[in-house]
Amino acid sequence: MAGTVLVTGATGYIAGELIRQLLTKGWTVHGTVRSVARSEAALRARLGDPSETTFRLFEAELMSDKGWAEATAGCTHVAHVASPIPAQAPKHEDDLIVPAREGTLRALRYARDAGVTRFVQTSSTAAVVYGVDRGSYTFDESRWTDIDHPDAYPYVKSKTIAERAAREWVAAEGGAMEFVSVNPGMVLGPVDSGDFSASVELVQQLLSGAMPMAPNLGFPIVDVRDIAALHVLALETPGLAGERFLGAGKFLNALEVAGVLRARLGEKARKAPTRLMPDWLVNVLALFNPEVRGIKTEIGKVRHVDASHAKDRLGWTMRPVEDTIADCGESLIAHGVVKV
């Protein structure tokens, strides 16, 4: 059922893999970037140099109307993947929340006006699993993050607010356009350049020795190739209006990820930590280090996600999480991100 699909944030980690899979399946793809001149050559090389008849780039940003009408023209589907992901904590939470929300609403408006029939938003498990105290939990699609809870930091708020805003807008103004959200966990797997995604920073730090002890925190993990495949299913499967799909597998803490790296990469993972960082040390470091302060609320929380809905409704499958972690580590080394 391949048509023409707009993928926003085309240079991103998930978006790049999604575009690759869509092109393989015969879709015509429009992609948005901030600057075609700066992005096109590298992105085309990453994708195997697709023809200009099947892949076109357009300049469009989350906080501006410029370029969106051109990007959506002729599209039957939209995968709205673009959303700000900070490498460091923002100075103010609105630096993330406002562009995430306004960019989503902008993409929705232009998609509706262009006659798009299916809009898939890349949300996050961040919009589902936060707002809890220390303990072990299992979540499904019915649950929403409590953004007033102390563990809802700015990125978590941005993803929650953006998805809620999208659903409210579609109900009020979306007309016949179908809306679906895909909610990935921590996205790992191979990278295809040295310009790596913020989502793989945990593996980079574990391998490089930047984390001599592992803090007691973790995430439900998904492979970038698998989450892209879930997006394709969300775009192609009929009858999904209003659906929400959690996309993540096993929850692993940082020490368990380090253990997988050691087991699979051997000597190349010799710097990966073997000890758990005591909680009291995290609290001390948080007094001086804003990045540690940002993860302090993660300590001691085990957040499992139930992805059975995506498996049962769409037939989605995931590869073993150990393969995902090993492939991520090997590619970071191969691209020179981690020196061994």
C-alpha atoms as a PDB file:
ATOM      1  CA  MET A   1       0.000   0.000   0.000  1.00  0.00           C
ATOM      2  CA  ALA A   2       3.012   2.259  -0.450  1.00  0.00           C
ATOM      3  CA  GLY A   3       2.196   5.918  -1.046  1.00  0.00           C
ATOM      4  CA  THR A   4       4.028   9.133  -0.273  1.00  0.00           C
ATOM      5  CA  VAL A   5       5.027   9.688   3.335  1.00  0.00           C
ATOM      6  CA  LEU A   6       6.566  12.667   5.085  1.00  0.00           C
ATOM      7  CA  VAL A   7       9.138  11.759   7.758  1.00  0.00           C
ATOM      8  CA  THR A   8       9.997  14.729   9.938  1.00  0.00           C
ATOM      9  CA  GLY A   9      13.455  15.150  11.451  1.00  0.00           C
ATOM     10  CA  ALA A  10      14.983  13.037   8.681  1.00  0.00           C
ATOM     11  CA  THR A  11      18.536  13.157  10.039  1.00  0.00           C
ATOM     12  CA  GLY A  12      17.527  11.613  13.363  1.00  0.00           C
ATOM     13  CA  TYR A  13      18.392   8.141  14.640  1.00  0.00           C
ATOM     14  CA  ILE A  14      14.918   6.599  14.340  1.00  0.00           C
ATOM     15  CA  ALA A  15      13.950   8.661  11.291  1.00  0.00           C
ATOM     16  CA  GLY A  16      16.972   7.603   9.253  1.00  0.00           C
ATOM     17  CA  GLU A  17      16.281   3.908   9.811  1.00  0.00           C
ATOM     18  CA  LEU A  18      12.569   4.443   9.170  1.00  0.00           C
ATOM     19  CA  ILE A  19      13.281   6.155   5.845  1.00  0.00           C
ATOM     20  CA  ARG A  20      15.584   3.297   4.849  1.00  0.00           C
ATOM     21  CA  GLN A  21      12.864   0.731   5.544  1.00  0.00           C
ATOM     22  CA  LEU A  22      10.156   2.763   3.796  1.00  0.00           C
ATOM     23  CA  LEU A  23      12.251   3.163   0.653  1.00  0.00           C
ATOM     24  CA  THR A  24      12.917  -0.585   0.634  1.00  0.00           C
ATOM     25  CA  LYS A  25       9.152  -1.193   0.758  1.00  0.00           C
ATOM     26  CA  GLY A  26       8.492   1.087  -2.209  1.00  0.00           C
ATOM     27  CA  TRP A  27       7.304   4.262  -0.504  1.00  0.00           C
ATOM     28  CA  THR A  28       8.107   7.699  -1.858  1.00  0.00           C
ATOM     29  CA  VAL A  29       9.570   9.661   1.047  1.00  0.00           C
ATOM     30  CA  HIS A  30       9.652  13.368   1.822  1.00  0.00           C
ATOM     31  CA  GLY A  31      11.932  14.323   4.700  1.00  0.00           C
ATOM     32  CA  THR A  32      12.244  17.532   6.703  1.00  0.00           C
ATOM     33  CA  VAL A  33      15.586  18.924   7.820  1.00  0.00           C
ATOM     34  CA  ARG A  34      16.718  22.272   9.133  1.00  0.00           C
ATOM     35  CA  SER A  35      19.142  22.775   6.246  1.00  0.00           C
ATOM     36  CA  VAL A  36      19.143  20.801   3.000  1.00  0.00           C
ATOM     37  CA  ALA A  37      22.582  22.154   2.096  1.00  0.00           C
ATOM     38  CA  ARG A  38      24.125  20.872   5.337  1.00  0.00           C
ATOM     39  CA  SER A  39      22.255  17.556   5.520  1.00  0.00           C
ATOM     40  CA  GLU A  40      21.534  16.179   2.075  1.00  0.00           C
ATOM     41  CA  ALA A  41      24.878  14.677   1.032  1.00  0.00           C
ATOM     42  CA  ALA A  42      25.456  12.835   4.302  1.00  0.00           C
ATOM     43  CA  LEU A  43      21.855  11.648   4.551  1.00  0.00           C
ATOM     44  CA  ARG A  44      21.778  10.364   0.971  1.00  0.00           C
ATOM     45  CA  ALA A  45      25.033   8.504   1.557  1.00  0.00           C
ATOM     46  CA  ARG A  46      23.573   7.007   4.749  1.00  0.00           C
ATOM     47  CA  LEU A  47      20.534   5.808   2.785  1.00  0.00           C
ATOM     48  CA  GLY A  48      22.448   4.369  -0.169  1.00  0.00           C
ATOM     49  CA  ASP A  49      21.892   7.400  -2.444  1.00  0.00           C
ATOM     50  CA  PRO A  50      18.191   6.960  -3.304  1.00  0.00           C
ATOM     51  CA  SER A  51      16.867   8.588  -6.466  1.00  0.00           C
ATOM     52  CA  GLU A  52      15.331  12.048  -6.330  1.00  0.00           C
ATOM     53  CA  THR A  53      12.058  10.621  -7.577  1.00  0.00           C
ATOM     54  CA  THR A  54      11.664   8.506  -4.436  1.00  0.00           C
ATOM     55  CA  PHE A  55      13.341  10.699  -1.811  1.00  0.00           C
ATOM     56  CA  ARG A  56      13.206  14.482  -1.427  1.00  0.00           C
ATOM     57  CA  LEU A  57      14.258  16.781   1.383  1.00  0.00           C
ATOM     58  CA  PHE A  58      12.510  19.953   2.479  1.00  0.00           C
ATOM     59  CA  GLU A  59      13.546  22.633   4.934  1.00  0.00           C
ATOM     60  CA  ALA A  60      11.060  22.934   7.796  1.00  0.00           C
ATOM     61  CA  GLU A  61      11.448  23.583  11.523  1.00  0.00           C
ATOM     62  CA  LEU A  62       9.200  22.856  14.467  1.00  0.00           C
ATOM     63  CA  MET A  63       8.662  26.505  15.394  1.00  0.00           C
ATOM     64  CA  SER A  64       8.092  27.992  11.925  1.00  0.00           C
ATOM     65  CA  ASP A  65       5.417  27.582   9.239  1.00  0.00           C
ATOM     66  CA  LYS A  66       7.988  27.951   6.474  1.00  0.00           C
ATOM     67  CA  GLY A  67       8.330  24.879   4.267  1.00  0.00           C
ATOM     68  CA  TRP A  68       5.591  22.721   5.798  1.00  0.00           C
ATOM     69  CA  ALA A  69       3.069  23.160   2.978  1.00  0.00           C
ATOM     70  CA  GLU A  70       5.681  22.124   0.418  1.00  0.00           C
ATOM     71  CA  ALA A  71       6.833  19.172   2.522  1.00  0.00           C
ATOM     72  CA  THR A  72       3.334  17.751   3.025  1.00  0.00           C
ATOM     73  CA  ALA A  73       2.084  18.392  -0.528  1.00  0.00           C
ATOM     74  CA  GLY A  74       1.118  15.118  -2.189  1.00  0.00           C
ATOM     75  CA  CYS A  75       1.635  13.047   0.963  1.00  0.00           C
ATOM     76  CA  THR A  76      -0.814  10.352   2.001  1.00  0.00           C
ATOM     77  CA  HIS A  77       0.916   9.647   5.330  1.00  0.00           C
ATOM     78  CA  VAL A  78       3.065  11.442   7.908  1.00  0.00           C
ATOM     79  CA  ALA A  79       5.505  10.005  10.434  1.00  0.00           C
ATOM     80  CA  HIS A  80       6.221  12.851  12.817  1.00  0.00           C
ATOM     81  CA  VAL A  81       9.487  11.759  14.394  1.00  0.00           C
ATOM     82  CA  ALA A  82      11.096  15.152  15.027  1.00  0.00           C
ATOM     83  CA  SER A  83      11.228  16.317  18.636  1.00  0.00           C
ATOM     84  CA  PRO A  84      13.932  18.100  20.619  1.00  0.00           C
ATOM     85  CA  ILE A  85      16.238  15.725  22.524  1.00  0.00           C
ATOM     86  CA  PRO A  86      18.798  17.557  24.668  1.00  0.00           C
ATOM     87  CA  ALA A  87      22.347  16.347  25.178  1.00  0.00           C
ATOM     88  CA  GLN A  88      22.267  18.306  28.455  1.00  0.00           C
ATOM     89  CA  ALA A  89      19.540  19.573  30.749  1.00  0.00           C
ATOM     90  CA  PRO A  90      17.843  22.658  29.245  1.00  0.00           C
ATOM     91  CA  LYS A  91      18.019  26.002  31.004  1.00  0.00           C
ATOM     92  CA  HIS A  92      14.222  26.057  31.136  1.00  0.00           C
ATOM     93  CA  GLU A  93      11.751  23.213  30.600  1.00  0.00           C
ATOM     94  CA  ASP A  94       9.866  25.264  27.992  1.00  0.00           C
ATOM     95  CA  ASP A  95      12.943  25.035  25.753  1.00  0.00           C
ATOM     96  CA  LEU A  96      11.807  21.445  25.179  1.00  0.00           C
ATOM     97  CA  ILE A  97       8.088  21.512  25.908  1.00  0.00           C
ATOM     98  CA  VAL A  98       7.115  24.373  23.602  1.00  0.00           C
ATOM     99  CA  PRO A  99       8.799  23.124  20.388  1.00  0.00           C
ATOM    100  CA  ALA A 100       7.675  19.538  21.061  1.00  0.00           C
ATOM    101  CA  ARG A 101       4.040  20.599  21.459  1.00  0.00           C
ATOM    102  CA  GLU A 102       3.933  23.378  18.861  1.00  0.00           C
ATOM    103  CA  GLY A 103       5.910  21.382  16.312  1.00  0.00           C
ATOM    104  CA  THR A 104       3.495  18.460  16.624  1.00  0.00           C
ATOM    105  CA  LEU A 105       0.446  20.689  16.258  1.00  0.00           C
ATOM    106  CA  ARG A 106       2.037  22.417  13.258  1.00  0.00           C
ATOM    107  CA  ALA A 107       2.744  19.091  11.553  1.00  0.00           C
ATOM    108  CA  LEU A 108      -0.832  17.958  12.254  1.00  0.00           C
ATOM    109  CA  ARG A 109      -2.372  21.118  10.778  1.00  0.00           C
ATOM    110  CA  TYR A 110      -0.387  20.936   7.570  1.00  0.00           C
ATOM    111  CA  ALA A 111      -0.996  17.195   7.273  1.00  0.00           C
ATOM    112  CA  ARG A 112      -4.761  17.635   7.557  1.00  0.00           C
ATOM    113  CA  ASP A 113      -4.763  20.497   5.086  1.00  0.00           C
ATOM    114  CA  ALA A 114      -2.760  18.392   2.605  1.00  0.00           C
ATOM    115  CA  GLY A 115      -5.286  15.552   2.773  1.00  0.00           C
ATOM    116  CA  VAL A 116      -3.076  13.123   4.711  1.00  0.00           C
ATOM    117  CA  THR A 117      -5.028  10.032   5.764  1.00  0.00           C
ATOM    118  CA  ARG A 118      -2.756   8.599   8.505  1.00  0.00           C
ATOM    119  CA  PHE A 119      -0.550  10.532  10.946  1.00  0.00           C
ATOM    120  CA  VAL A 120       1.864   8.554  13.131  1.00  0.00           C
ATOM    121  CA  GLN A 121       3.500  10.413  16.010  1.00  0.00           C
ATOM    122  CA  THR A 122       6.714   9.194  17.597  1.00  0.00           C
ATOM    123  CA  SER A 123       5.910   9.671  21.251  1.00  0.00           C
ATOM    124  CA  SER A 124       7.839   7.824  23.975  1.00  0.00           C
ATOM    125  CA  THR A 125       7.508   5.513  26.935  1.00  0.00           C
ATOM    126  CA  ALA A 126       8.381   8.754  28.749  1.00  0.00           C
ATOM    127  CA  ALA A 127       4.735   9.698  28.208  1.00  0.00           C
ATOM    128  CA  VAL A 128       3.658   6.498  29.969  1.00  0.00           C
ATOM    129  CA  VAL A 129       6.001   5.281  32.713  1.00  0.00           C
ATOM    130  CA  TYR A 130       6.967   8.355  34.762  1.00  0.00           C
ATOM    131  CA  GLY A 131       5.343   9.884  37.791  1.00  0.00           C
ATOM    132  CA  VAL A 132       6.061   7.034  40.215  1.00  0.00           C
ATOM    133  CA  ASP A 133       8.017   6.559  43.417  1.00  0.00           C
ATOM    134  CA  ARG A 134      10.812   4.058  43.929  1.00  0.00           C
ATOM    135  CA  GLY A 135       9.705   0.489  43.187  1.00  0.00           C
ATOM    136  CA  SER A 136       8.943  -1.975  40.372  1.00  0.00           C
ATOM    137  CA  TYR A 137       6.086  -1.380  37.934  1.00  0.00           C
ATOM    138  CA  THR A 138       4.622  -2.721  34.690  1.00  0.00           C
ATOM    139  CA  PHE A 139       2.824  -0.349  32.321  1.00  0.00           C
ATOM    140  CA  ASP A 140       0.587  -0.686  29.276  1.00  0.00           C
ATOM    141  CA  GLU A 141      -0.893   1.830  26.807  1.00  0.00           C
ATOM    142  CA  SER A 142      -3.684   2.870  29.176  1.00  0.00           C
ATOM    143  CA  ARG A 143      -1.300   4.657  31.502  1.00  0.00           C
ATOM    144  CA  TRP A 144      -0.129   8.287  31.252  1.00  0.00           C
ATOM    145  CA  THR A 145       2.813   9.952  32.974  1.00  0.00           C
ATOM    146  CA  ASP A 146       1.968  12.278  35.853  1.00  0.00           C
ATOM    147  CA  ILE A 147       3.848  15.428  34.826  1.00  0.00           C
ATOM    148  CA  ASP A 148       3.398  16.953  38.291  1.00  0.00           C
ATOM    149  CA  HIS A 149       5.438  14.198  39.938  1.00  0.00           C
ATOM    150  CA  PRO A 150       9.069  15.061  40.871  1.00  0.00           C
ATOM    151  CA  ASP A 151      10.478  12.418  38.495  1.00  0.00           C
ATOM    152  CA  ALA A 152       8.911  14.074  35.431  1.00  0.00           C
ATOM    153  CA  TYR A 153      11.901  16.055  34.176  1.00  0.00           C
ATOM    154  CA  PRO A 154      11.632  18.394  31.133  1.00  0.00           C
ATOM    155  CA  TYR A 155      12.082  15.786  28.369  1.00  0.00           C
ATOM    156  CA  VAL A 156       9.466  13.545  30.007  1.00  0.00           C
ATOM    157  CA  LYS A 157       7.062  16.471  30.238  1.00  0.00           C
ATOM    158  CA  SER A 158       7.687  17.448  26.615  1.00  0.00           C
ATOM    159  CA  LYS A 159       6.789  14.002  25.260  1.00  0.00           C
ATOM    160  CA  THR A 160       3.724  13.664  27.491  1.00  0.00           C
ATOM    161  CA  ILE A 161       2.376  17.119  26.733  1.00  0.00           C
ATOM    162  CA  ALA A 162       3.031  16.774  22.987  1.00  0.00           C
ATOM    163  CA  GLU A 163       1.160  13.473  22.699  1.00  0.00           C
ATOM    164  CA  ARG A 164      -1.757  14.656  24.797  1.00  0.00           C
ATOM    165  CA  ALA A 165      -1.971  17.871  22.741  1.00  0.00           C
ATOM    166  CA  ALA A 166      -1.924  15.861  19.514  1.00  0.00           C
ATOM    167  CA  ARG A 167      -4.755  13.597  20.617  1.00  0.00           C
ATOM    168  CA  GLU A 168      -6.863  16.528  21.785  1.00  0.00           C
ATOM    169  CA  TRP A 169      -6.279  18.408  18.517  1.00  0.00           C
ATOM    170  CA  VAL A 170      -7.138  15.391  16.342  1.00  0.00           C
ATOM    171  CA  ALA A 171     -10.370  14.819  18.277  1.00  0.00           C
ATOM    172  CA  ALA A 172     -11.393  18.447  17.804  1.00  0.00           C
ATOM    173  CA  GLU A 173      -9.971  19.392  14.407  1.00  0.00           C
ATOM    174  CA  GLY A 174      -8.470  16.356  12.695  1.00  0.00           C
ATOM    175  CA  GLY A 175     -11.462  15.515  10.547  1.00  0.00           C
ATOM    176  CA  ALA A 176     -11.076  12.126   8.846  1.00  0.00           C
ATOM    177  CA  MET A 177      -7.311  11.931   9.389  1.00  0.00           C
ATOM    178  CA  GLU A 178      -6.333   8.898  11.484  1.00  0.00           C
ATOM    179  CA  PHE A 179      -3.861   9.383  14.350  1.00  0.00           C
ATOM    180  CA  VAL A 180      -1.602   6.708  15.840  1.00  0.00           C
ATOM    181  CA  SER A 181       1.208   7.041  18.384  1.00  0.00           C
ATOM    182  CA  VAL A 182       4.287   4.847  18.730  1.00  0.00           C
ATOM    183  CA  ASN A 183       5.940   5.022  22.158  1.00  0.00           C
ATOM    184  CA  PRO A 184       9.540   3.716  22.085  1.00  0.00           C
ATOM    185  CA  GLY A 185      11.659   2.890  25.106  1.00  0.00           C
ATOM    186  CA  MET A 186      15.399   3.553  25.143  1.00  0.00           C
ATOM    187  CA  VAL A 187      16.452   3.198  21.515  1.00  0.00           C
ATOM    188  CA  LEU A 188      19.766   1.401  21.015  1.00  0.00           C
ATOM    189  CA  GLY A 189      21.305  -0.604  18.199  1.00  0.00           C
ATOM    190  CA  PRO A 190      23.801   0.174  15.456  1.00  0.00           C
ATOM    191  CA  VAL A 191      24.728   3.738  14.576  1.00  0.00           C
ATOM    192  CA  ASP A 192      25.843   4.532  11.062  1.00  0.00           C
ATOM    193  CA  SER A 193      28.062   7.540  11.678  1.00  0.00           C
ATOM    194  CA  GLY A 194      30.154   9.224  14.333  1.00  0.00           C
ATOM    195  CA  ASP A 195      27.346  11.753  14.816  1.00  0.00           C
ATOM    196  CA  PHE A 196      25.555   9.489  17.257  1.00  0.00           C
ATOM    197  CA  SER A 197      22.164   9.894  18.891  1.00  0.00           C
ATOM    198  CA  ALA A 198      21.775  11.030  22.487  1.00  0.00           C
ATOM    199  CA  SER A 199      19.831   7.821  23.138  1.00  0.00           C
ATOM    200  CA  VAL A 200      22.986   5.680  22.802  1.00  0.00           C
ATOM    201  CA  GLU A 201      25.000   7.832  25.200  1.00  0.00           C
ATOM    202  CA  LEU A 202      24.590   5.288  28.011  1.00  0.00           C
ATOM    203  CA  VAL A 203      26.410   2.630  25.982  1.00  0.00           C
ATOM    204  CA  GLN A 204      29.053   5.152  24.928  1.00  0.00           C
ATOM    205  CA  GLN A 205      29.743   6.109  28.544  1.00  0.00           C
ATOM    206  CA  LEU A 206      29.825   2.510  29.751  1.00  0.00           C
ATOM    207  CA  LEU A 207      32.318   1.490  27.039  1.00  0.00           C
ATOM    208  CA  SER A 208      34.547   4.554  27.296  1.00  0.00           C
ATOM    209  CA  GLY A 209      35.158   4.283  31.038  1.00  0.00           C
ATOM    210  CA  ALA A 210      33.375   7.582  31.703  1.00  0.00           C
ATOM    211  CA  MET A 211      31.167   5.656  34.149  1.00  0.00           C
ATOM    212  CA  PRO A 212      33.506   3.754  36.517  1.00  0.00           C
ATOM    213  CA  MET A 213      30.516   2.626  38.582  1.00  0.00           C
ATOM    214  CA  ALA A 214      26.997   2.058  37.270  1.00  0.00           C
ATOM    215  CA  PRO A 215      24.155   3.990  38.906  1.00  0.00           C
ATOM    216  CA  ASN A 216      21.095   1.983  39.923  1.00  0.00           C
ATOM    217  CA  LEU A 217      18.903   3.045  37.027  1.00  0.00           C
ATOM    218  CA  GLY A 218      17.685   1.471  33.823  1.00  0.00           C
ATOM    219  CA  PHE A 219      15.259   1.577  30.942  1.00  0.00           C
ATOM    220  CA  PRO A 220      13.119  -0.707  28.769  1.00  0.00           C
ATOM    221  CA  ILE A 221      15.212  -1.139  25.626  1.00  0.00           C
ATOM    222  CA  VAL A 222      14.286  -1.401  21.948  1.00  0.00           C
ATOM    223  CA  ASP A 223      16.391  -1.777  18.810  1.00  0.00           C
ATOM    224  CA  VAL A 224      16.309   1.133  16.343  1.00  0.00           C
ATOM    225  CA  ARG A 225      15.635  -1.351  13.521  1.00  0.00           C
ATOM    226  CA  ASP A 226      12.678  -2.832  15.379  1.00  0.00           C
ATOM    227  CA  ILE A 227      11.134   0.484  16.389  1.00  0.00           C
ATOM    228  CA  ALA A 228      11.399   1.688  12.788  1.00  0.00           C
ATOM    229  CA  ALA A 229       9.595  -1.498  11.728  1.00  0.00           C
ATOM    230  CA  LEU A 230       6.857  -0.717  14.264  1.00  0.00           C
ATOM    231  CA  HIS A 231       6.444   2.715  12.665  1.00  0.00           C
ATOM    232  CA  VAL A 232       6.073   1.066   9.253  1.00  0.00           C
ATOM    233  CA  LEU A 233       3.378  -1.222  10.632  1.00  0.00           C
ATOM    234  CA  ALA A 234       1.612   1.774  12.199  1.00  0.00           C
ATOM    235  CA  LEU A 235       1.672   3.549   8.834  1.00  0.00           C
ATOM    236  CA  GLU A 236       0.527   0.584   6.757  1.00  0.00           C
ATOM    237  CA  THR A 237      -1.954  -1.393   8.873  1.00  0.00           C
ATOM    238  CA  PRO A 238      -5.584  -0.366   8.277  1.00  0.00           C
ATOM    239  CA  GLY A 239      -8.039   0.497  11.017  1.00  0.00           C
ATOM    240  CA  LEU A 240      -5.734   1.979  13.680  1.00  0.00           C
ATOM    241  CA  ALA A 241      -7.377   5.343  14.345  1.00  0.00           C
ATOM    242  CA  GLY A 242      -6.598   6.477  17.892  1.00  0.00           C
ATOM    243  CA  GLU A 243      -4.282   3.557  18.635  1.00  0.00           C
ATOM    244  CA  ARG A 244      -1.240   3.752  20.905  1.00  0.00           C
ATOM    245  CA  PHE A 245       1.596   1.223  20.735  1.00  0.00           C
ATOM    246  CA  LEU A 246       4.309   0.762  23.336  1.00  0.00           C
ATOM    247  CA  GLY A 247       7.538  -0.285  21.641  1.00  0.00           C
ATOM    248  CA  ALA A 248      10.109  -1.685  24.038  1.00  0.00           C
ATOM    249  CA  GLY A 249      11.412  -4.947  25.392  1.00  0.00           C
ATOM    250  CA  LYS A 250      13.306  -6.001  28.466  1.00  0.00           C
ATOM    251  CA  PHE A 251      14.132  -3.518  31.241  1.00  0.00           C
ATOM    252  CA  LEU A 252      17.847  -3.545  32.002  1.00  0.00           C
ATOM    253  CA  ASN A 253      19.738  -1.406  34.478  1.00  0.00           C
ATOM    254  CA  ALA A 254      23.079   0.176  33.638  1.00  0.00           C
ATOM    255  CA  LEU A 255      25.104  -2.574  35.325  1.00  0.00           C
ATOM    256  CA  GLU A 256      23.231  -5.239  33.354  1.00  0.00           C
ATOM    257  CA  VAL A 257      23.923  -3.372  30.107  1.00  0.00           C
ATOM    258  CA  ALA A 258      27.602  -3.235  31.070  1.00  0.00           C
ATOM    259  CA  GLY A 259      27.500  -6.989  31.716  1.00  0.00           C
ATOM    260  CA  VAL A 260      26.108  -7.644  28.222  1.00  0.00           C
ATOM    261  CA  LEU A 261      28.850  -5.479  26.704  1.00  0.00           C
ATOM    262  CA  ARG A 262      31.539  -7.405  28.591  1.00  0.00           C
ATOM    263  CA  ALA A 263      30.070 -10.772  27.626  1.00  0.00           C
ATOM    264  CA  ARG A 264      29.641  -9.943  23.946  1.00  0.00           C
ATOM    265  CA  LEU A 265      32.520  -7.542  23.192  1.00  0.00           C
ATOM    266  CA  GLY A 266      35.178  -9.073  25.418  1.00  0.00           C
ATOM    267  CA  GLU A 267      38.377  -7.035  25.720  1.00  0.00           C
ATOM    268  CA  LYS A 268      36.820  -4.123  23.820  1.00  0.00           C
ATOM    269  CA  ALA A 269      34.480  -3.632  26.802  1.00  0.00           C
ATOM    270  CA  ARG A 270      37.178  -3.866  29.472  1.00  0.00           C
ATOM    271  CA  LYS A 271      36.386  -0.336  30.747  1.00  0.00           C
ATOM    272  CA  ALA A 272      32.715  -1.128  31.369  1.00  0.00           C
ATOM    273  CA  PRO A 273      31.909  -0.958  35.095  1.00  0.00           C
ATOM    274  CA  THR A 274      31.515  -4.045  37.240  1.00  0.00           C
ATOM    275  CA  ARG A 275      30.190  -2.364  40.386  1.00  0.00           C
ATOM    276  CA  LEU A 276      26.962  -0.588  41.285  1.00  0.00           C
ATOM    277  CA  MET A 277      27.261   3.029  42.390  1.00  0.00           C
ATOM    278  CA  PRO A 278      25.864   3.446  45.927  1.00  0.00           C
ATOM    279  CA  ASP A 279      22.813   5.675  46.085  1.00  0.00           C
ATOM    280  CA  TRP A 280      24.495   7.946  48.611  1.00  0.00           C
ATOM    281  CA  LEU A 281      27.282   8.656  46.126  1.00  0.00           C
ATOM    282  CA  VAL A 282      24.716   9.586  43.445  1.00  0.00           C
ATOM    283  CA  ASN A 283      23.201  12.041  45.933  1.00  0.00           C
ATOM    284  CA  VAL A 284      26.602  13.577  46.671  1.00  0.00           C
ATOM    285  CA  LEU A 285      27.566  13.881  43.006  1.00  0.00           C
ATOM    286  CA  ALA A 286      24.201  15.450  42.229  1.00  0.00           C
ATOM    287  CA  LEU A 287      25.179  18.423  44.409  1.00  0.00           C
ATOM    288  CA  PHE A 288      27.951  19.323  41.966  1.00  0.00           C
ATOM    289  CA  ASN A 289      27.038  17.729  38.630  1.00  0.00           C
ATOM    290  CA  PRO A 290      23.848  18.837  36.817  1.00  0.00           C
ATOM    291  CA  GLU A 291      23.803  15.689  34.649  1.00  0.00           C
ATOM    292  CA  VAL A 292      23.839  13.455  37.736  1.00  0.00           C
ATOM    293  CA  ARG A 293      21.215  15.689  39.293  1.00  0.00           C
ATOM    294  CA  GLY A 294      19.050  15.037  36.228  1.00  0.00           C
ATOM    295  CA  ILE A 295      19.130  11.258  36.715  1.00  0.00           C
ATOM    296  CA  LYS A 296      18.744  11.287  40.478  1.00  0.00           C
ATOM    297  CA  THR A 297      14.990  10.678  40.289  1.00  0.00           C
ATOM    298  CA  GLU A 298      15.593   7.514  38.184  1.00  0.00           C
ATOM    299  CA  ILE A 299      17.407   5.692  40.984  1.00  0.00           C
ATOM    300  CA  GLY A 300      15.774   2.511  42.243  1.00  0.00           C
ATOM    301  CA  LYS A 301      12.865   2.504  39.788  1.00  0.00           C
ATOM    302  CA  VAL A 302      12.175  -0.516  37.596  1.00  0.00           C
ATOM    303  CA  ARG A 303       9.783   0.348  34.762  1.00  0.00           C
ATOM    304  CA  HIS A 304       8.706  -2.659  32.716  1.00  0.00           C
ATOM    305  CA  VAL A 305       6.497  -2.095  29.682  1.00  0.00           C
ATOM    306  CA  ASP A 306       3.972  -4.511  28.231  1.00  0.00           C
ATOM    307  CA  ALA A 307       4.364  -4.446  24.438  1.00  0.00           C
ATOM    308  CA  SER A 308       1.880  -7.256  23.847  1.00  0.00           C
ATOM    309  CA  HIS A 309      -0.595  -4.915  22.134  1.00  0.00           C
ATOM    310  CA  ALA A 310       1.862  -4.177  19.298  1.00  0.00           C
ATOM    311  CA  LYS A 311       2.675  -7.879  19.025  1.00  0.00           C
ATOM    312  CA  ASP A 312      -0.958  -9.028  19.022  1.00  0.00           C
ATOM    313  CA  ARG A 313      -2.476  -6.252  16.878  1.00  0.00           C
ATOM    314  CA  LEU A 314       0.358  -5.729  14.392  1.00  0.00           C
ATOM    315  CA  GLY A 315       2.446  -8.898  14.572  1.00  0.00           C
ATOM    316  CA  TRP A 316       5.448  -6.840  15.683  1.00  0.00           C
ATOM    317  CA  THR A 317       8.564  -8.686  16.837  1.00  0.00           C
ATOM    318  CA  MET A 318      11.781  -7.658  18.591  1.00  0.00           C
ATOM    319  CA  ARG A 319      15.265  -9.119  18.387  1.00  0.00           C
ATOM    320  CA  PRO A 320      17.038 -10.171  21.614  1.00  0.00           C
ATOM    321  CA  VAL A 321      18.085  -7.154  23.659  1.00  0.00           C
ATOM    322  CA  GLU A 322      21.601  -8.604  23.983  1.00  0.00           C
ATOM    323  CA  ASP A 323      22.025  -8.373  20.190  1.00  0.00           C
ATOM    324  CA  THR A 324      20.831  -4.771  20.247  1.00  0.00           C
ATOM    325  CA  ILE A 325      23.328  -3.767  22.947  1.00  0.00           C
ATOM    326  CA  ALA A 326      26.220  -5.616  21.307  1.00  0.00           C
ATOM    327  CA  ASP A 327      25.481  -4.123  17.878  1.00  0.00           C
ATOM    328  CA  CYS A 328      25.313  -0.670  19.440  1.00  0.00           C
ATOM    329  CA  GLY A 329      28.680  -1.093  21.143  1.00  0.00           C
ATOM    330  CA  GLU A 330      30.395  -2.554  18.089  1.00  0.00           C
ATOM    331  CA  SER A 331      29.167   0.260  15.836  1.00  0.00           C
ATOM    332  CA  LEU A 332      30.237   2.980  18.304  1.00  0.00           C
ATOM    333  CA  ILE A 333      33.728   1.484  18.229  1.00  0.00           C
ATOM    334  CA  ALA A 334      33.708   1.070  14.450  1.00  0.00           C
ATOM    335  CA  HIS A 335      32.793   4.736  13.937  1.00  0.00           C
ATOM    336  CA  GLY A 336      35.424   5.979  16.370  1.00  0.00           C
ATOM    337  CA  VAL A 337      32.965   7.276  18.942  1.00  0.00           C
ATOM    338  CA  VAL A 338      34.578   4.982  21.531  1.00  0.00           C
ATOM    339  CA  LYS A 339      38.335   4.380  21.497  1.00  0.00           C
ATOM    340  CA  VAL A 340      39.460   0.939  22.635  1.00  0.00           C
END
